Amino acid sequence: MREVLAPPAERGHLEIRPRVVDRVGHRAASDVDGVVRGSVGRIARHELPDVSSRVDGRHVRLDIDLAVRWGVPVDSVAAAVQRAVAERVQALTGLVVDAVDVTVESVVVPDVPTAGRVA
């Protein structure tokens, strides 16, 4: 015989910690074309994209610092990150995403090989 479950509200408590939201947001931002992943610059303060979130009950706000590859429209990449992060966080956690604030910290120019001297 199958056991009948109590309604979800009566089964217990679910808490989704900000660290989980950060990791989901990091992965979603990293998957957007044009976002540069890893250490950026000569003195890297942290790995990018860097995500921090504030969870308040069922609502969450995310702050994302990222680097963008040279040659792609910065505003388009930032908007794509906002959409991707909001959709993925809401789909995987069930939280309501109130805001995704994106700061583009750097534009990364690919290494260009220099021509060698011919003697």
C-alpha atoms as a PDB file:
ATOM      1  CA  MET A   1       0.000   0.000   0.000  1.00  0.00           C
ATOM      2  CA  ARG A   2       1.292   3.462  -0.908  1.00  0.00           C
ATOM      3  CA  GLU A   3       1.945   5.954   1.841  1.00  0.00           C
ATOM      4  CA  VAL A   4       0.052   9.235   1.523  1.00  0.00           C
ATOM      5  CA  LEU A   5       2.327  12.230   2.009  1.00  0.00           C
ATOM      6  CA  ALA A   6       1.349  15.232   4.048  1.00  0.00           C
ATOM      7  CA  PRO A   7       1.060  18.533   2.183  1.00  0.00           C
ATOM      8  CA  PRO A   8       4.488  20.103   1.463  1.00  0.00           C
ATOM      9  CA  ALA A   9       4.005  22.848   4.060  1.00  0.00           C
ATOM     10  CA  GLU A  10       3.572  20.225   6.763  1.00  0.00           C
ATOM     11  CA  ARG A  11       6.562  18.028   5.845  1.00  0.00           C
ATOM     12  CA  GLY A  12       9.299  20.179   7.311  1.00  0.00           C
ATOM     13  CA  HIS A  13      11.588  23.061   6.537  1.00  0.00           C
ATOM     14  CA  LEU A  14      13.792  23.697   3.510  1.00  0.00           C
ATOM     15  CA  GLU A  15      16.609  26.206   3.672  1.00  0.00           C
ATOM     16  CA  ILE A  16      18.703  27.050   0.622  1.00  0.00           C
ATOM     17  CA  ARG A  17      21.927  28.674   1.735  1.00  0.00           C
ATOM     18  CA  PRO A  18      23.513  31.583  -0.145  1.00  0.00           C
ATOM     19  CA  ARG A  19      26.563  29.436  -0.985  1.00  0.00           C
ATOM     20  CA  VAL A  20      24.332  27.126  -3.046  1.00  0.00           C
ATOM     21  CA  VAL A  21      22.794  30.090  -4.861  1.00  0.00           C
ATOM     22  CA  ASP A  22      26.307  31.482  -5.473  1.00  0.00           C
ATOM     23  CA  ARG A  23      27.442  28.243  -7.108  1.00  0.00           C
ATOM     24  CA  VAL A  24      24.350  27.998  -9.304  1.00  0.00           C
ATOM     25  CA  GLY A  25      24.802  31.635 -10.336  1.00  0.00           C
ATOM     26  CA  HIS A  26      28.515  31.134 -10.999  1.00  0.00           C
ATOM     27  CA  ARG A  27      27.861  28.187 -13.288  1.00  0.00           C
ATOM     28  CA  ALA A  28      25.071  29.992 -15.149  1.00  0.00           C
ATOM     29  CA  ALA A  29      27.229  33.115 -15.659  1.00  0.00           C
ATOM     30  CA  SER A  30      30.216  31.023 -16.757  1.00  0.00           C
ATOM     31  CA  ASP A  31      28.116  29.342 -19.445  1.00  0.00           C
ATOM     32  CA  VAL A  32      27.282  32.644 -21.189  1.00  0.00           C
ATOM     33  CA  ASP A  33      29.273  33.203 -24.376  1.00  0.00           C
ATOM     34  CA  GLY A  34      31.733  36.077 -23.991  1.00  0.00           C
ATOM     35  CA  VAL A  35      32.277  35.652 -20.239  1.00  0.00           C
ATOM     36  CA  VAL A  36      35.923  35.009 -19.323  1.00  0.00           C
ATOM     37  CA  ARG A  37      36.438  32.420 -16.589  1.00  0.00           C
ATOM     38  CA  GLY A  38      39.359  32.263 -14.164  1.00  0.00           C
ATOM     39  CA  SER A  39      41.936  34.713 -12.855  1.00  0.00           C
ATOM     40  CA  VAL A  40      42.065  37.958 -14.779  1.00  0.00           C
ATOM     41  CA  GLY A  41      44.850  40.529 -14.799  1.00  0.00           C
ATOM     42  CA  ARG A  42      48.356  40.563 -13.418  1.00  0.00           C
ATOM     43  CA  ILE A  43      47.257  40.712  -9.809  1.00  0.00           C
ATOM     44  CA  ALA A  44      44.097  38.660  -9.612  1.00  0.00           C
ATOM     45  CA  ARG A  45      42.032  39.550  -6.545  1.00  0.00           C
ATOM     46  CA  HIS A  46      39.676  36.643  -7.127  1.00  0.00           C
ATOM     47  CA  GLU A  47      38.382  34.211  -9.705  1.00  0.00           C
ATOM     48  CA  LEU A  48      35.795  35.554 -12.117  1.00  0.00           C
ATOM     49  CA  PRO A  49      32.920  35.372 -12.416  1.00  0.00           C
ATOM     50  CA  ASP A  50      32.498  36.126  -8.726  1.00  0.00           C
ATOM     51  CA  VAL A  51      28.965  35.713  -7.384  1.00  0.00           C
ATOM     52  CA  SER A  52      27.531  36.696  -4.028  1.00  0.00           C
ATOM     53  CA  SER A  53      23.901  36.407  -3.046  1.00  0.00           C
ATOM     54  CA  ARG A  54      21.576  37.537  -0.295  1.00  0.00           C
ATOM     55  CA  VAL A  55      18.718  35.171   0.472  1.00  0.00           C
ATOM     56  CA  ASP A  56      15.766  36.557   2.420  1.00  0.00           C
ATOM     57  CA  GLY A  57      13.095  33.918   2.878  1.00  0.00           C
ATOM     58  CA  ARG A  58      12.003  32.896  -0.619  1.00  0.00           C
ATOM     59  CA  HIS A  59      13.652  35.915  -2.305  1.00  0.00           C
ATOM     60  CA  VAL A  60      17.220  36.362  -3.500  1.00  0.00           C
ATOM     61  CA  ARG A  61      19.400  39.143  -4.925  1.00  0.00           C
ATOM     62  CA  LEU A  62      22.678  38.358  -6.669  1.00  0.00           C
ATOM     63  CA  ASP A  63      25.766  40.476  -7.342  1.00  0.00           C
ATOM     64  CA  ILE A  64      28.068  39.251 -10.103  1.00  0.00           C
ATOM     65  CA  ASP A  65      31.512  40.577 -11.021  1.00  0.00           C
ATOM     66  CA  LEU A  66      32.820  39.318 -14.338  1.00  0.00           C
ATOM     67  CA  ALA A  67      35.248  39.801 -17.186  1.00  0.00           C
ATOM     68  CA  VAL A  68      34.195  39.936 -20.824  1.00  0.00           C
ATOM     69  CA  ARG A  69      36.174  38.803 -23.862  1.00  0.00           C
ATOM     70  CA  TRP A  70      37.400  41.594 -26.146  1.00  0.00           C
ATOM     71  CA  GLY A  71      35.261  42.089 -29.232  1.00  0.00           C
ATOM     72  CA  VAL A  72      31.875  41.128 -27.817  1.00  0.00           C
ATOM     73  CA  PRO A  73      29.282  43.759 -26.874  1.00  0.00           C
ATOM     74  CA  VAL A  74      29.643  44.269 -23.131  1.00  0.00           C
ATOM     75  CA  ASP A  75      26.007  45.293 -22.631  1.00  0.00           C
ATOM     76  CA  SER A  76      24.722  42.227 -24.488  1.00  0.00           C
ATOM     77  CA  VAL A  77      26.893  39.871 -22.426  1.00  0.00           C
ATOM     78  CA  ALA A  78      25.807  41.540 -19.173  1.00  0.00           C
ATOM     79  CA  ALA A  79      22.119  41.277 -20.145  1.00  0.00           C
ATOM     80  CA  ALA A  80      22.570  37.621 -21.148  1.00  0.00           C
ATOM     81  CA  VAL A  81      24.220  36.910 -17.778  1.00  0.00           C
ATOM     82  CA  GLN A  82      21.314  38.555 -15.943  1.00  0.00           C
ATOM     83  CA  ARG A  83      18.769  36.433 -17.830  1.00  0.00           C
ATOM     84  CA  ALA A  84      20.702  33.166 -17.567  1.00  0.00           C
ATOM     85  CA  VAL A  85      21.425  33.536 -13.855  1.00  0.00           C
ATOM     86  CA  ALA A  86      17.863  34.542 -12.956  1.00  0.00           C
ATOM     87  CA  GLU A  87      16.370  31.656 -14.945  1.00  0.00           C
ATOM     88  CA  ARG A  88      18.772  29.003 -13.644  1.00  0.00           C
ATOM     89  CA  VAL A  89      18.620  30.091  -9.996  1.00  0.00           C
ATOM     90  CA  GLN A  90      14.822  30.175 -10.064  1.00  0.00           C
ATOM     91  CA  ALA A  91      14.568  26.831 -11.877  1.00  0.00           C
ATOM     92  CA  LEU A  92      17.014  24.962  -9.633  1.00  0.00           C
ATOM     93  CA  THR A  93      16.216  26.502  -6.249  1.00  0.00           C
ATOM     94  CA  GLY A  94      12.608  27.648  -6.524  1.00  0.00           C
ATOM     95  CA  LEU A  95      13.601  31.027  -5.096  1.00  0.00           C
ATOM     96  CA  VAL A  96      12.204  34.270  -6.499  1.00  0.00           C
ATOM     97  CA  VAL A  97      15.043  36.259  -8.067  1.00  0.00           C
ATOM     98  CA  ASP A  98      14.433  39.932  -7.306  1.00  0.00           C
ATOM     99  CA  ALA A  99      17.601  41.265  -8.964  1.00  0.00           C
ATOM    100  CA  VAL A 100      20.828  40.244 -10.665  1.00  0.00           C
ATOM    101  CA  ASP A 101      23.330  43.108 -10.568  1.00  0.00           C
ATOM    102  CA  VAL A 102      26.255  42.670 -12.973  1.00  0.00           C
ATOM    103  CA  THR A 103      29.552  44.569 -12.790  1.00  0.00           C
ATOM    104  CA  VAL A 104      31.980  44.136 -15.670  1.00  0.00           C
ATOM    105  CA  GLU A 105      35.389  44.429 -14.022  1.00  0.00           C
ATOM    106  CA  SER A 106      37.538  43.813 -17.062  1.00  0.00           C
ATOM    107  CA  VAL A 107      37.646  43.346 -20.808  1.00  0.00           C
ATOM    108  CA  VAL A 108      40.179  40.659 -21.656  1.00  0.00           C
ATOM    109  CA  VAL A 109      42.218  40.995 -24.830  1.00  0.00           C
ATOM    110  CA  PRO A 110      43.498  37.662 -26.130  1.00  0.00           C
ATOM    111  CA  ASP A 111      47.241  37.121 -26.199  1.00  0.00           C
ATOM    112  CA  VAL A 112      48.600  38.117 -29.592  1.00  0.00           C
ATOM    113  CA  PRO A 113      51.808  36.351 -30.567  1.00  0.00           C
ATOM    114  CA  THR A 114      54.609  38.777 -31.334  1.00  0.00           C
ATOM    115  CA  ALA A 115      56.647  38.319 -34.459  1.00  0.00           C
ATOM    116  CA  GLY A 116      60.151  36.989 -33.801  1.00  0.00           C
ATOM    117  CA  ARG A 117      63.254  38.714 -35.111  1.00  0.00           C
ATOM    118  CA  VAL A 118      64.984  37.247 -38.083  1.00  0.00           C
ATOM    119  CA  ALA A 119      68.750  37.571 -38.066  1.00  0.00           C
END
